[in-house]
C-alpha atoms as a PDB file:
ATOM      1  CA  UNK A   1       0.000   0.000   0.000  1.00  0.00           C
ATOM      2  CA  UNK A   2       2.787   2.417   0.909  1.00  0.00           C
ATOM      3  CA  UNK A   3       4.578   1.672  -2.371  1.00  0.00           C
ATOM      4  CA  UNK A   4       1.417   2.522  -4.293  1.00  0.00           C
ATOM      5  CA  UNK A   5       0.528   5.886  -2.785  1.00  0.00           C
ATOM      6  CA  UNK A   6      -1.509   5.132   0.345  1.00  0.00           C
ATOM      7  CA  UNK A   7      -1.226   7.536   3.253  1.00  0.00           C
ATOM      8  CA  UNK A   8       0.719   6.230   6.263  1.00  0.00           C
ATOM      9  CA  UNK A   9      -2.325   6.418   8.547  1.00  0.00           C
ATOM     10  CA  UNK A  10      -4.232   4.016   6.267  1.00  0.00           C
ATOM     11  CA  UNK A  11      -1.286   1.606   6.102  1.00  0.00           C
ATOM     12  CA  UNK A  12      -0.870   1.638   9.867  1.00  0.00           C
ATOM     13  CA  UNK A  13      -4.578   1.141  10.479  1.00  0.00           C
ATOM     14  CA  UNK A  14      -4.751  -1.788   8.039  1.00  0.00           C
ATOM     15  CA  UNK A  15      -1.684  -3.498   9.518  1.00  0.00           C
ATOM     16  CA  UNK A  16      -2.883  -3.010  13.091  1.00  0.00           C
ATOM     17  CA  UNK A  17      -6.267  -4.539  12.281  1.00  0.00           C
ATOM     18  CA  UNK A  18      -4.793  -7.559  10.524  1.00  0.00           C
ATOM     19  CA  UNK A  19      -2.070  -8.224  13.102  1.00  0.00           C
ATOM     20  CA  UNK A  20      -4.530  -7.861  15.985  1.00  0.00           C
ATOM     21  CA  UNK A  21      -6.890 -10.305  14.273  1.00  0.00           C
ATOM     22  CA  UNK A  22      -4.117 -12.816  13.540  1.00  0.00           C
ATOM     23  CA  UNK A  23      -2.848 -12.722  17.143  1.00  0.00           C
ATOM     24  CA  UNK A  24      -6.335 -12.774  18.637  1.00  0.00           C
ATOM     25  CA  UNK A  25      -5.961  -9.594  20.697  1.00  0.00           C
ATOM     26  CA  UNK A  26      -8.177  -6.552  20.975  1.00  0.00           C
ATOM     27  CA  UNK A  27      -7.549  -3.660  18.617  1.00  0.00           C
ATOM     28  CA  UNK A  28      -5.592  -0.773  20.245  1.00  0.00           C
ATOM     29  CA  UNK A  29      -4.657  -3.034  23.157  1.00  0.00           C
ATOM     30  CA  UNK A  30      -1.091  -3.033  21.892  1.00  0.00           C
ATOM     31  CA  UNK A  31       0.787  -1.204  19.148  1.00  0.00           C
ATOM     32  CA  UNK A  32       2.502  -3.434  16.585  1.00  0.00           C
ATOM     33  CA  UNK A  33       3.572  -1.028  13.826  1.00  0.00           C
ATOM     34  CA  UNK A  34       5.204   2.323  13.170  1.00  0.00           C
ATOM     35  CA  UNK A  35       5.070   3.629   9.603  1.00  0.00           C
ATOM     36  CA  UNK A  36       7.196   6.204   7.809  1.00  0.00           C
ATOM     37  CA  UNK A  37       7.502   6.901   4.088  1.00  0.00           C
ATOM     38  CA  UNK A  38      10.823   5.065   3.871  1.00  0.00           C
ATOM     39  CA  UNK A  39      10.155   2.084   6.100  1.00  0.00           C
ATOM     40  CA  UNK A  40       7.831   0.013   8.260  1.00  0.00           C
ATOM     41  CA  UNK A  41       8.654  -1.081  11.800  1.00  0.00           C
ATOM     42  CA  UNK A  42       6.775  -4.204  12.902  1.00  0.00           C
ATOM     43  CA  UNK A  43       6.922  -5.626  16.411  1.00  0.00           C
ATOM     44  CA  UNK A  44       7.105  -9.401  16.031  1.00  0.00           C
ATOM     45  CA  UNK A  45       7.054 -10.152  19.776  1.00  0.00           C
ATOM     46  CA  UNK A  46       7.656  -8.354  23.046  1.00  0.00           C
ATOM     47  CA  UNK A  47      11.413  -8.019  22.506  1.00  0.00           C
ATOM     48  CA  UNK A  48      12.013  -8.004  18.732  1.00  0.00           C
ATOM     49  CA  UNK A  49      11.190  -5.504  16.010  1.00  0.00           C
ATOM     50  CA  UNK A  50      11.441  -6.110  12.279  1.00  0.00           C
ATOM     51  CA  UNK A  51      12.156  -3.321   9.786  1.00  0.00           C
ATOM     52  CA  UNK A  52      10.938  -3.327   6.171  1.00  0.00           C
ATOM     53  CA  UNK A  53      12.530  -0.715   3.912  1.00  0.00           C
ATOM     54  CA  UNK A  54      10.426   1.034   1.257  1.00  0.00           C
ATOM     55  CA  UNK A  55      12.577   2.085  -1.703  1.00  0.00           C
ATOM     56  CA  UNK A  56      10.029   2.590  -4.501  1.00  0.00           C
ATOM     57  CA  UNK A  57       6.851   4.650  -4.368  1.00  0.00           C
ATOM     58  CA  UNK A  58       4.294   5.019  -7.132  1.00  0.00           C
ATOM     59  CA  UNK A  59       0.544   5.608  -7.411  1.00  0.00           C
ATOM     60  CA  UNK A  60      -1.832   2.720  -8.005  1.00  0.00           C
ATOM     61  CA  UNK A  61      -5.148   3.248  -6.227  1.00  0.00           C
ATOM     62  CA  UNK A  62      -6.476  -0.049  -7.581  1.00  0.00           C
ATOM     63  CA  UNK A  63      -3.931  -2.020  -5.531  1.00  0.00           C
ATOM     64  CA  UNK A  64      -4.737   0.001  -2.410  1.00  0.00           C
ATOM     65  CA  UNK A  65      -8.439  -0.755  -2.841  1.00  0.00           C
ATOM     66  CA  UNK A  66      -7.766  -4.486  -3.263  1.00  0.00           C
ATOM     67  CA  UNK A  67      -5.575  -4.654  -0.156  1.00  0.00           C
ATOM     68  CA  UNK A  68      -8.265  -2.825   1.833  1.00  0.00           C
ATOM     69  CA  UNK A  69     -10.849  -5.352   0.650  1.00  0.00           C
ATOM     70  CA  UNK A  70      -8.600  -8.283   1.574  1.00  0.00           C
ATOM     71  CA  UNK A  71      -8.046  -6.869   5.065  1.00  0.00           C
ATOM     72  CA  UNK A  72     -11.803  -6.432   5.586  1.00  0.00           C
ATOM     73  CA  UNK A  73     -12.518 -10.010   4.506  1.00  0.00           C
ATOM     74  CA  UNK A  74      -9.814 -11.280   6.862  1.00  0.00           C
ATOM     75  CA  UNK A  75     -11.076  -9.335   9.875  1.00  0.00           C
ATOM     76  CA  UNK A  76     -14.598 -10.628   9.153  1.00  0.00           C
ATOM     77  CA  UNK A  77     -13.302 -14.252   9.165  1.00  0.00           C
ATOM     78  CA  UNK A  78     -14.064 -14.710   5.475  1.00  0.00           C
ATOM     79  CA  UNK A  79     -10.430 -15.483   4.604  1.00  0.00           C
ATOM     80  CA  UNK A  80      -7.768 -17.543   6.324  1.00  0.00           C
ATOM     81  CA  UNK A  81      -4.267 -16.219   6.957  1.00  0.00           C
ATOM     82  CA  UNK A  82      -2.887 -18.435   4.163  1.00  0.00           C
ATOM     83  CA  UNK A  83      -5.504 -17.163   1.709  1.00  0.00           C
ATOM     84  CA  UNK A  84      -4.682 -13.575   2.677  1.00  0.00           C
ATOM     85  CA  UNK A  85      -1.002 -14.164   1.961  1.00  0.00           C
ATOM     86  CA  UNK A  86      -1.749 -15.688  -1.450  1.00  0.00           C
ATOM     87  CA  UNK A  87      -4.093 -12.862  -2.425  1.00  0.00           C
ATOM     88  CA  UNK A  88      -1.612 -10.216  -1.315  1.00  0.00           C
ATOM     89  CA  UNK A  89       1.082 -11.873  -3.419  1.00  0.00           C
ATOM     90  CA  UNK A  90      -1.276 -11.774  -6.419  1.00  0.00           C
ATOM     91  CA  UNK A  91      -1.944  -8.059  -5.876  1.00  0.00           C
ATOM     92  CA  UNK A  92       1.792  -7.363  -5.554  1.00  0.00           C
ATOM     93  CA  UNK A  93       2.490  -9.126  -8.867  1.00  0.00           C
ATOM     94  CA  UNK A  94      -0.201  -7.206 -10.732  1.00  0.00           C
ATOM     95  CA  UNK A  95       0.935  -4.596 -13.218  1.00  0.00           C
ATOM     96  CA  UNK A  96      -0.737  -1.278 -13.925  1.00  0.00           C
ATOM     97  CA  UNK A  97      -4.066  -1.946 -15.560  1.00  0.00           C
ATOM     98  CA  UNK A  98      -3.773   0.651 -18.335  1.00  0.00           C
ATOM     99  CA  UNK A  99      -1.604   0.430 -21.413  1.00  0.00           C
ATOM    100  CA  UNK A 100       0.710   3.251 -22.452  1.00  0.00           C
ATOM    101  CA  UNK A 101      -1.696   4.175 -25.249  1.00  0.00           C
ATOM    102  CA  UNK A 102      -4.558   4.609 -22.790  1.00  0.00           C
ATOM    103  CA  UNK A 103      -2.369   6.662 -20.458  1.00  0.00           C
ATOM    104  CA  UNK A 104      -1.470   8.986 -23.319  1.00  0.00           C
ATOM    105  CA  UNK A 105      -5.116   9.383 -24.309  1.00  0.00           C
ATOM    106  CA  UNK A 106      -6.104  10.197 -20.710  1.00  0.00           C
ATOM    107  CA  UNK A 107      -3.181  12.625 -20.446  1.00  0.00           C
ATOM    108  CA  UNK A 108      -4.281  14.506 -23.562  1.00  0.00           C
ATOM    109  CA  UNK A 109      -7.878  14.665 -22.291  1.00  0.00           C
ATOM    110  CA  UNK A 110      -6.700  15.900 -18.884  1.00  0.00           C
ATOM    111  CA  UNK A 111      -4.495  18.635 -20.337  1.00  0.00           C
ATOM    112  CA  UNK A 112      -7.200  19.816 -22.704  1.00  0.00           C
ATOM    113  CA  UNK A 113      -9.890  19.799 -19.999  1.00  0.00           C
ATOM    114  CA  UNK A 114      -7.809  21.744 -17.479  1.00  0.00           C
ATOM    115  CA  UNK A 115      -6.930  24.296 -20.154  1.00  0.00           C
ATOM    116  CA  UNK A 116     -10.623  24.825 -20.936  1.00  0.00           C
ATOM    117  CA  UNK A 117     -11.442  25.185 -17.231  1.00  0.00           C
ATOM    118  CA  UNK A 118      -8.760  27.882 -16.977  1.00  0.00           C
ATOM    119  CA  UNK A 119     -10.554  30.079 -19.544  1.00  0.00           C
ATOM    120  CA  UNK A 120      -8.884  28.642 -22.621  1.00  0.00           C
ATOM    121  CA  UNK A 121     -10.736  28.064 -25.887  1.00  0.00           C
ATOM    122  CA  UNK A 122     -11.129  25.098 -28.188  1.00  0.00           C
ATOM    123  CA  UNK A 123      -8.598  26.577 -30.592  1.00  0.00           C
ATOM    124  CA  UNK A 124      -6.016  26.156 -27.807  1.00  0.00           C
ATOM    125  CA  UNK A 125      -6.658  22.406 -27.502  1.00  0.00           C
ATOM    126  CA  UNK A 126      -3.860  21.272 -29.886  1.00  0.00           C
ATOM    127  CA  UNK A 127      -1.178  23.232 -28.025  1.00  0.00           C
ATOM    128  CA  UNK A 128      -2.355  22.118 -24.594  1.00  0.00           C
ATOM    129  CA  UNK A 129      -2.792  18.450 -25.517  1.00  0.00           C
ATOM    130  CA  UNK A 130       0.503  18.184 -27.390  1.00  0.00           C
ATOM    131  CA  UNK A 131       2.320  19.991 -24.596  1.00  0.00           C
ATOM    132  CA  UNK A 132       0.744  17.691 -22.030  1.00  0.00           C
ATOM    133  CA  UNK A 133       1.774  14.600 -23.992  1.00  0.00           C
ATOM    134  CA  UNK A 134       5.369  15.817 -24.392  1.00  0.00           C
ATOM    135  CA  UNK A 135       5.454  16.681 -20.703  1.00  0.00           C
ATOM    136  CA  UNK A 136       4.159  13.267 -19.618  1.00  0.00           C
ATOM    137  CA  UNK A 137       6.368  11.236 -21.975  1.00  0.00           C
ATOM    138  CA  UNK A 138       9.410  13.258 -20.898  1.00  0.00           C
ATOM    139  CA  UNK A 139       8.536  12.518 -17.270  1.00  0.00           C
ATOM    140  CA  UNK A 140       8.205   8.779 -17.939  1.00  0.00           C
ATOM    141  CA  UNK A 141      11.561   8.657 -19.736  1.00  0.00           C
ATOM    142  CA  UNK A 142      13.257  10.750 -17.068  1.00  0.00           C
ATOM    143  CA  UNK A 143      11.782   8.627 -14.276  1.00  0.00           C
ATOM    144  CA  UNK A 144      13.027   5.467 -16.013  1.00  0.00           C
ATOM    145  CA  UNK A 145      16.534   6.574 -16.975  1.00  0.00           C
ATOM    146  CA  UNK A 146      17.460   9.696 -15.010  1.00  0.00           C
ATOM    147  CA  UNK A 147      15.953   8.747 -11.634  1.00  0.00           C
ATOM    148  CA  UNK A 148      16.760  12.110 -10.064  1.00  0.00           C
ATOM    149  CA  UNK A 149      13.807  13.558  -8.133  1.00  0.00           C
ATOM    150  CA  UNK A 150      12.679  17.103  -8.963  1.00  0.00           C
ATOM    151  CA  UNK A 151      15.119  17.394 -11.885  1.00  0.00           C
ATOM    152  CA  UNK A 152      12.908  14.969 -13.817  1.00  0.00           C
ATOM    153  CA  UNK A 153       9.842  17.158 -13.210  1.00  0.00           C
ATOM    154  CA  UNK A 154      11.773  20.285 -14.163  1.00  0.00           C
ATOM    155  CA  UNK A 155      12.957  18.825 -17.482  1.00  0.00           C
ATOM    156  CA  UNK A 156       9.511  17.397 -18.278  1.00  0.00           C
ATOM    157  CA  UNK A 157       7.789  20.731 -17.558  1.00  0.00           C
ATOM    158  CA  UNK A 158      10.376  22.626 -19.617  1.00  0.00           C
ATOM    159  CA  UNK A 159      10.061  20.328 -22.656  1.00  0.00           C
ATOM    160  CA  UNK A 160       6.279  20.232 -22.418  1.00  0.00           C
ATOM    161  CA  UNK A 161       6.123  24.021 -22.073  1.00  0.00           C
ATOM    162  CA  UNK A 162       8.466  24.391 -25.024  1.00  0.00           C
ATOM    163  CA  UNK A 163       6.266  22.198 -27.223  1.00  0.00           C
ATOM    164  CA  UNK A 164       3.129  24.008 -26.090  1.00  0.00           C
ATOM    165  CA  UNK A 165       4.721  27.399 -26.781  1.00  0.00           C
ATOM    166  CA  UNK A 166       5.633  26.565 -30.371  1.00  0.00           C
ATOM    167  CA  UNK A 167       2.286  24.917 -31.172  1.00  0.00           C
ATOM    168  CA  UNK A 168       0.449  27.822 -29.537  1.00  0.00           C
ATOM    169  CA  UNK A 169       2.388  30.166 -31.819  1.00  0.00           C
ATOM    170  CA  UNK A 170       0.833  28.410 -34.804  1.00  0.00           C
ATOM    171  CA  UNK A 171      -2.609  27.565 -33.406  1.00  0.00           C
ATOM    172  CA  UNK A 172      -3.816  29.188 -30.216  1.00  0.00           C
ATOM    173  CA  UNK A 173      -4.301  32.433 -28.367  1.00  0.00           C
ATOM    174  CA  UNK A 174      -4.318  31.852 -24.583  1.00  0.00           C
ATOM    175  CA  UNK A 175      -0.760  30.844 -23.712  1.00  0.00           C
ATOM    176  CA  UNK A 176      -1.186  31.003 -19.926  1.00  0.00           C
ATOM    177  CA  UNK A 177      -4.146  28.614 -19.992  1.00  0.00           C
ATOM    178  CA  UNK A 178      -2.251  26.328 -22.374  1.00  0.00           C
ATOM    179  CA  UNK A 179       0.735  26.192 -20.013  1.00  0.00           C
ATOM    180  CA  UNK A 180      -1.484  25.286 -17.063  1.00  0.00           C
ATOM    181  CA  UNK A 181      -3.049  22.454 -19.050  1.00  0.00           C
ATOM    182  CA  UNK A 182       0.378  21.287 -20.181  1.00  0.00           C
ATOM    183  CA  UNK A 183       1.706  20.666 -16.665  1.00  0.00           C
ATOM    184  CA  UNK A 184      -1.576  19.285 -15.262  1.00  0.00           C
ATOM    185  CA  UNK A 185      -0.400  15.627 -15.562  1.00  0.00           C
ATOM    186  CA  UNK A 186       2.563  16.357 -13.272  1.00  0.00           C
ATOM    187  CA  UNK A 187       0.724  18.199 -10.493  1.00  0.00           C
ATOM    188  CA  UNK A 188       1.366  16.288  -7.213  1.00  0.00           C
ATOM    189  CA  UNK A 189      -2.263  16.203  -6.130  1.00  0.00           C
ATOM    190  CA  UNK A 190      -2.122  12.792  -4.445  1.00  0.00           C
ATOM    191  CA  UNK A 191       1.052  13.657  -2.525  1.00  0.00           C
ATOM    192  CA  UNK A 192      -0.392  16.913  -1.153  1.00  0.00           C
ATOM    193  CA  UNK A 193      -3.757  15.308  -0.327  1.00  0.00           C
ATOM    194  CA  UNK A 194      -2.073  12.433   1.518  1.00  0.00           C
ATOM    195  CA  UNK A 195       0.167  14.915   3.336  1.00  0.00           C
ATOM    196  CA  UNK A 196      -2.861  16.758   4.684  1.00  0.00           C
ATOM    197  CA  UNK A 197      -4.578  13.507   5.676  1.00  0.00           C
ATOM    198  CA  UNK A 198      -1.450  12.255   7.464  1.00  0.00           C
ATOM    199  CA  UNK A 199      -1.076  15.525   9.372  1.00  0.00           C
ATOM    200  CA  UNK A 200      -4.739  15.429  10.393  1.00  0.00           C
ATOM    201  CA  UNK A 201      -4.195  11.825  11.571  1.00  0.00           C
ATOM    202  CA  UNK A 202      -1.251  13.077  13.703  1.00  0.00           C
ATOM    203  CA  UNK A 203       1.377  11.411  11.517  1.00  0.00           C
ATOM    204  CA  UNK A 204       3.349  14.627  11.511  1.00  0.00           C
ATOM    205  CA  UNK A 205       6.686  13.292  10.235  1.00  0.00           C
ATOM    206  CA  UNK A 206       5.263  11.499   7.188  1.00  0.00           C
ATOM    207  CA  UNK A 207       2.789  14.299   6.528  1.00  0.00           C
ATOM    208  CA  UNK A 208       5.501  16.956   6.654  1.00  0.00           C
ATOM    209  CA  UNK A 209       7.787  14.937   4.371  1.00  0.00           C
ATOM    210  CA  UNK A 210       4.992  14.440   1.832  1.00  0.00           C
ATOM    211  CA  UNK A 211       4.118  18.130   1.960  1.00  0.00           C
ATOM    212  CA  UNK A 212       7.725  19.203   1.413  1.00  0.00           C
ATOM    213  CA  UNK A 213       8.007  16.713  -1.447  1.00  0.00           C
ATOM    214  CA  UNK A 214       4.816  18.056  -3.027  1.00  0.00           C
ATOM    215  CA  UNK A 215       6.014  21.651  -2.684  1.00  0.00           C
ATOM    216  CA  UNK A 216       9.385  20.821  -4.258  1.00  0.00           C
ATOM    217  CA  UNK A 217       7.697  19.008  -7.156  1.00  0.00           C
ATOM    218  CA  UNK A 218       5.347  21.948  -7.715  1.00  0.00           C
ATOM    219  CA  UNK A 219       8.341  24.281  -7.566  1.00  0.00           C
ATOM    220  CA  UNK A 220      10.230  22.196 -10.120  1.00  0.00           C
ATOM    221  CA  UNK A 221       7.245  22.252 -12.476  1.00  0.00           C
ATOM    222  CA  UNK A 222       6.813  25.990 -12.082  1.00  0.00           C
ATOM    223  CA  UNK A 223      10.520  26.594 -12.640  1.00  0.00           C
ATOM    224  CA  UNK A 224      10.425  24.569 -15.857  1.00  0.00           C
ATOM    225  CA  UNK A 225       7.572  26.667 -17.233  1.00  0.00           C
ATOM    226  CA  UNK A 226       9.187  29.870 -15.976  1.00  0.00           C
ATOM    227  CA  UNK A 227      12.346  28.939 -17.899  1.00  0.00           C
ATOM    228  CA  UNK A 228      10.332  28.759 -21.126  1.00  0.00           C
ATOM    229  CA  UNK A 229       8.815  32.176 -20.406  1.00  0.00           C
ATOM    230  CA  UNK A 230      12.225  33.652 -19.557  1.00  0.00           C
ATOM    231  CA  UNK A 231      13.889  32.388 -22.741  1.00  0.00           C
ATOM    232  CA  UNK A 232      11.137  33.037 -25.268  1.00  0.00           C
ATOM    233  CA  UNK A 233       8.654  35.546 -23.844  1.00  0.00           C
ATOM    234  CA  UNK A 234      10.573  37.998 -21.653  1.00  0.00           C
END
């Protein structure tokens, strides 16, 4: 769940419920877990604690939903511990349900829709959609090969903004709206939302880290677009 974008409070709650059920003790009678964004501490008995490191984090809400459903079935005695383990292994092996083609289509629709919401016009759709696609593909390639946080978002926003600028010069009239639509696929909405939820759940460390991460990503995106403006529009 943590690797796929769940907030730490949800992960901790799910683990506490399942461990309490497996050990046959009352919920909240004893604390078994402590969750951060980079690792999970699990108390295996009174004297020993196991640590599980989390190196990769992505966003797959479908996996989170399936794990939640498995935990509910287990706590309601509808699944055995062995069945839970098998089902969790199946969920872990699952790949993202959408093909690259579908992701690109959704990206183009998202960029175009956000541009229209921000007072753009239909004549601006080509610039916004093409910019959004360039931005998203650049991010995917950077995430796969560069693997440097924040720099990847900066480069993707710059290249997407560059593409949107040139297309807008040929077809389009509302450059600001086009630029907003272009970077819409990179906006860290899930990270900021989870940060707020973690802070409200009193997970201050994880919430603060997520918030700082979201702010840095937003800053990188804004800097990439600002670079395009500085070079070509100043």
